[in-house]
Amino acid sequence: MLAQRFKGRVENITLASFLQLLEMERKTCTLSITSLGRKGSLHFRGGKLTGAATGELEGQAAALEIVTWEHADIEISDD
């Protein structure tokens, strides 16, 4: 059986609201976040944040930096 894969873009929702939705739905995915030339990623398993990276930051420090970004462009994948 082939595994179902998904990829998409989220629009018209704040990053904070989308993160709450991932937790409530217990999703496993990777978010690629861009905002004003900055790039970062957030990794979730079962709705829980398991990793984050941006620039030279990783882990909790990266996650805290990313969630402060305004006008974030969010791409979601199951990678």
N, C-alpha and C. Protein backbone atom coordinates (compact mmCIF):
# COMPACT_ATOMS: atom_id res chain seq x y z
N MET A 1 0.85 -1.18 0.00
CA MET A 1 0.00 0.00 0.00
C MET A 1 0.89 1.24 0.00
N LEU A 2 0.59 2.19 -0.83
CA LEU A 2 1.35 3.42 -0.91
C LEU A 2 0.92 4.38 0.19
N ALA A 3 1.90 5.00 0.82
CA ALA A 3 1.59 5.98 1.86
C ALA A 3 1.04 7.25 1.22
N GLN A 4 0.01 7.80 1.84
CA GLN A 4 -0.55 9.06 1.34
C GLN A 4 0.35 10.20 1.77
N ARG A 5 0.71 11.06 0.84
CA ARG A 5 1.59 12.18 1.13
C ARG A 5 0.82 13.47 0.84
N PHE A 6 1.21 14.52 1.54
CA PHE A 6 0.55 15.80 1.31
C PHE A 6 1.56 16.93 1.37
N LYS A 7 1.20 18.00 0.70
CA LYS A 7 1.99 19.23 0.73
C LYS A 7 1.04 20.35 0.38
N GLY A 8 1.20 21.48 1.01
CA GLY A 8 0.31 22.59 0.71
C GLY A 8 0.78 23.89 1.32
N ARG A 9 0.00 24.91 1.11
CA ARG A 9 0.30 26.25 1.60
C ARG A 9 -0.89 26.72 2.42
N VAL A 10 -0.60 27.41 3.50
CA VAL A 10 -1.65 27.91 4.37
C VAL A 10 -1.73 29.42 4.19
N GLU A 11 -2.94 29.92 3.98
CA GLU A 11 -3.14 31.36 3.79
C GLU A 11 -4.26 31.84 4.69
N ASN A 12 -4.22 33.12 5.01
CA ASN A 12 -5.27 33.80 5.76
C ASN A 12 -5.47 33.25 7.17
N ILE A 13 -4.40 32.80 7.81
CA ILE A 13 -4.45 32.37 9.19
C ILE A 13 -3.11 32.71 9.82
N THR A 14 -3.13 33.12 11.06
CA THR A 14 -1.86 33.46 11.72
C THR A 14 -1.10 32.18 12.05
N LEU A 15 0.20 32.30 12.17
CA LEU A 15 1.03 31.16 12.52
C LEU A 15 0.60 30.60 13.88
N ALA A 16 0.35 31.47 14.84
CA ALA A 16 -0.06 31.01 16.18
C ALA A 16 -1.35 30.19 16.12
N SER A 17 -2.32 30.64 15.35
CA SER A 17 -3.58 29.90 15.21
C SER A 17 -3.37 28.57 14.53
N PHE A 18 -2.52 28.54 13.53
CA PHE A 18 -2.27 27.29 12.82
C PHE A 18 -1.56 26.29 13.72
N LEU A 19 -0.65 26.76 14.57
CA LEU A 19 0.05 25.87 15.49
C LEU A 19 -0.93 25.25 16.48
N GLN A 20 -1.91 26.02 16.93
CA GLN A 20 -2.93 25.48 17.83
C GLN A 20 -3.74 24.39 17.13
N LEU A 21 -4.05 24.60 15.87
CA LEU A 21 -4.80 23.61 15.10
C LEU A 21 -4.00 22.31 14.97
N LEU A 22 -2.70 22.42 14.70
CA LEU A 22 -1.86 21.22 14.59
C LEU A 22 -1.86 20.43 15.89
N GLU A 23 -1.80 21.14 17.01
CA GLU A 23 -1.81 20.46 18.30
C GLU A 23 -3.14 19.78 18.55
N MET A 24 -4.25 20.48 18.31
CA MET A 24 -5.58 19.91 18.54
C MET A 24 -5.82 18.68 17.68
N GLU A 25 -5.34 18.72 16.43
CA GLU A 25 -5.56 17.62 15.48
C GLU A 25 -4.47 16.55 15.57
N ARG A 26 -3.47 16.78 16.43
CA ARG A 26 -2.36 15.83 16.64
C ARG A 26 -1.69 15.44 15.32
N LYS A 27 -1.35 16.45 14.54
CA LYS A 27 -0.75 16.24 13.22
C LYS A 27 0.75 15.99 13.29
N THR A 28 1.25 15.23 12.33
CA THR A 28 2.68 15.01 12.14
C THR A 28 3.04 15.64 10.80
N CYS A 29 3.92 16.63 10.83
CA CYS A 29 4.27 17.35 9.60
C CYS A 29 5.47 18.25 9.84
N THR A 30 5.93 18.85 8.76
CA THR A 30 6.97 19.87 8.81
C THR A 30 6.41 21.15 8.22
N LEU A 31 6.63 22.26 8.91
CA LEU A 31 6.24 23.57 8.40
C LEU A 31 7.49 24.30 7.96
N SER A 32 7.47 24.83 6.76
CA SER A 32 8.53 25.72 6.28
C SER A 32 7.96 27.13 6.34
N ILE A 33 8.59 27.97 7.13
CA ILE A 33 8.08 29.31 7.39
C ILE A 33 9.02 30.34 6.79
N THR A 34 8.46 31.31 6.07
CA THR A 34 9.25 32.44 5.57
C THR A 34 8.55 33.73 5.96
N SER A 35 9.36 34.74 6.25
CA SER A 35 8.81 36.05 6.62
C SER A 35 9.89 37.10 6.43
N LEU A 36 9.63 38.04 5.55
CA LEU A 36 10.54 39.17 5.34
C LEU A 36 11.98 38.72 5.12
N GLY A 37 12.16 37.71 4.27
CA GLY A 37 13.50 37.23 3.93
C GLY A 37 14.08 36.22 4.90
N ARG A 38 13.40 35.95 6.00
CA ARG A 38 13.86 34.94 6.97
C ARG A 38 13.21 33.61 6.65
N LYS A 39 13.94 32.52 6.95
CA LYS A 39 13.42 31.17 6.72
C LYS A 39 13.63 30.33 7.96
N GLY A 40 12.67 29.46 8.21
CA GLY A 40 12.79 28.55 9.34
C GLY A 40 11.91 27.34 9.14
N SER A 41 12.07 26.36 10.00
CA SER A 41 11.23 25.17 9.93
C SER A 41 10.82 24.74 11.33
N LEU A 42 9.63 24.17 11.40
CA LEU A 42 9.08 23.62 12.64
C LEU A 42 8.64 22.19 12.33
N HIS A 43 9.01 21.24 13.18
CA HIS A 43 8.71 19.83 12.96
C HIS A 43 7.78 19.34 14.07
N PHE A 44 6.70 18.66 13.67
CA PHE A 44 5.71 18.18 14.61
C PHE A 44 5.49 16.68 14.47
N ARG A 45 5.27 16.02 15.59
CA ARG A 45 4.89 14.61 15.61
C ARG A 45 3.75 14.47 16.61
N GLY A 46 2.61 14.02 16.10
CA GLY A 46 1.44 13.87 16.96
C GLY A 46 1.00 15.17 17.60
N GLY A 47 1.20 16.28 16.90
CA GLY A 47 0.79 17.58 17.40
C GLY A 47 1.78 18.25 18.34
N LYS A 48 2.87 17.57 18.64
CA LYS A 48 3.89 18.12 19.55
C LYS A 48 5.10 18.60 18.75
N LEU A 49 5.61 19.75 19.10
CA LEU A 49 6.81 20.28 18.45
C LEU A 49 8.00 19.41 18.82
N THR A 50 8.69 18.89 17.82
CA THR A 50 9.85 18.02 18.07
C THR A 50 11.16 18.63 17.60
N GLY A 51 11.10 19.70 16.83
CA GLY A 51 12.32 20.34 16.37
C GLY A 51 12.03 21.64 15.65
N ALA A 52 13.04 22.51 15.63
CA ALA A 52 12.90 23.79 14.95
C ALA A 52 14.29 24.29 14.56
N ALA A 53 14.35 25.06 13.49
CA ALA A 53 15.62 25.63 13.05
C ALA A 53 15.37 26.89 12.25
N THR A 54 16.25 27.88 12.46
CA THR A 54 16.27 29.09 11.66
C THR A 54 17.63 29.74 11.82
N GLY A 55 18.24 30.10 10.70
CA GLY A 55 19.57 30.69 10.77
C GLY A 55 20.51 29.81 11.57
N GLU A 56 21.12 30.36 12.60
CA GLU A 56 22.03 29.59 13.44
C GLU A 56 21.35 29.02 14.68
N LEU A 57 20.06 29.30 14.84
CA LEU A 57 19.32 28.82 16.01
C LEU A 57 18.68 27.47 15.74
N GLU A 58 18.61 26.63 16.78
CA GLU A 58 17.93 25.35 16.70
C GLU A 58 17.14 25.13 17.97
N GLY A 59 16.21 24.18 17.92
CA GLY A 59 15.45 23.80 19.10
C GLY A 59 14.52 24.90 19.58
N GLN A 60 14.39 24.99 20.90
CA GLN A 60 13.44 25.92 21.51
C GLN A 60 13.73 27.37 21.13
N ALA A 61 15.00 27.74 21.09
CA ALA A 61 15.36 29.12 20.73
C ALA A 61 14.87 29.47 19.33
N ALA A 62 15.01 28.53 18.38
CA ALA A 62 14.54 28.76 17.02
C ALA A 62 13.02 28.86 16.98
N ALA A 63 12.35 27.96 17.69
CA ALA A 63 10.88 27.98 17.71
C ALA A 63 10.36 29.30 18.26
N LEU A 64 10.95 29.77 19.35
CA LEU A 64 10.53 31.04 19.94
C LEU A 64 10.76 32.21 19.00
N GLU A 65 11.82 32.17 18.24
CA GLU A 65 12.10 33.22 17.25
C GLU A 65 11.06 33.19 16.13
N ILE A 66 10.81 32.01 15.59
CA ILE A 66 9.90 31.86 14.45
C ILE A 66 8.48 32.31 14.80
N VAL A 67 7.99 31.95 15.96
CA VAL A 67 6.59 32.30 16.29
C VAL A 67 6.38 33.80 16.49
N THR A 68 7.45 34.58 16.58
CA THR A 68 7.29 36.03 16.69
C THR A 68 7.19 36.70 15.33
N TRP A 69 7.48 35.97 14.25
CA TRP A 69 7.46 36.56 12.91
C TRP A 69 6.04 36.94 12.51
N GLU A 70 5.90 38.13 11.98
CA GLU A 70 4.61 38.57 11.46
C GLU A 70 4.57 38.34 9.95
N HIS A 71 3.38 38.24 9.42
CA HIS A 71 3.17 38.04 7.98
C HIS A 71 3.91 36.80 7.48
N ALA A 72 3.81 35.72 8.24
CA ALA A 72 4.52 34.49 7.89
C ALA A 72 3.82 33.77 6.75
N ASP A 73 4.63 33.25 5.85
CA ASP A 73 4.15 32.39 4.76
C ASP A 73 4.43 30.95 5.23
N ILE A 74 3.40 30.11 5.27
CA ILE A 74 3.51 28.78 5.82
C ILE A 74 3.31 27.74 4.72
N GLU A 75 4.28 26.85 4.58
CA GLU A 75 4.13 25.68 3.71
C GLU A 75 4.18 24.45 4.58
N ILE A 76 3.30 23.50 4.29
CA ILE A 76 3.20 22.30 5.11
C ILE A 76 3.50 21.07 4.25
N SER A 77 4.25 20.14 4.82
CA SER A 77 4.51 18.87 4.14
C SER A 77 4.57 17.76 5.16
N ASP A 78 4.44 16.54 4.70
CA ASP A 78 4.49 15.40 5.62
C ASP A 78 5.87 14.80 5.70
N ASP A 79 6.88 15.53 5.25
CA ASP A 79 8.26 15.03 5.28
C ASP A 79 8.76 14.91 6.71
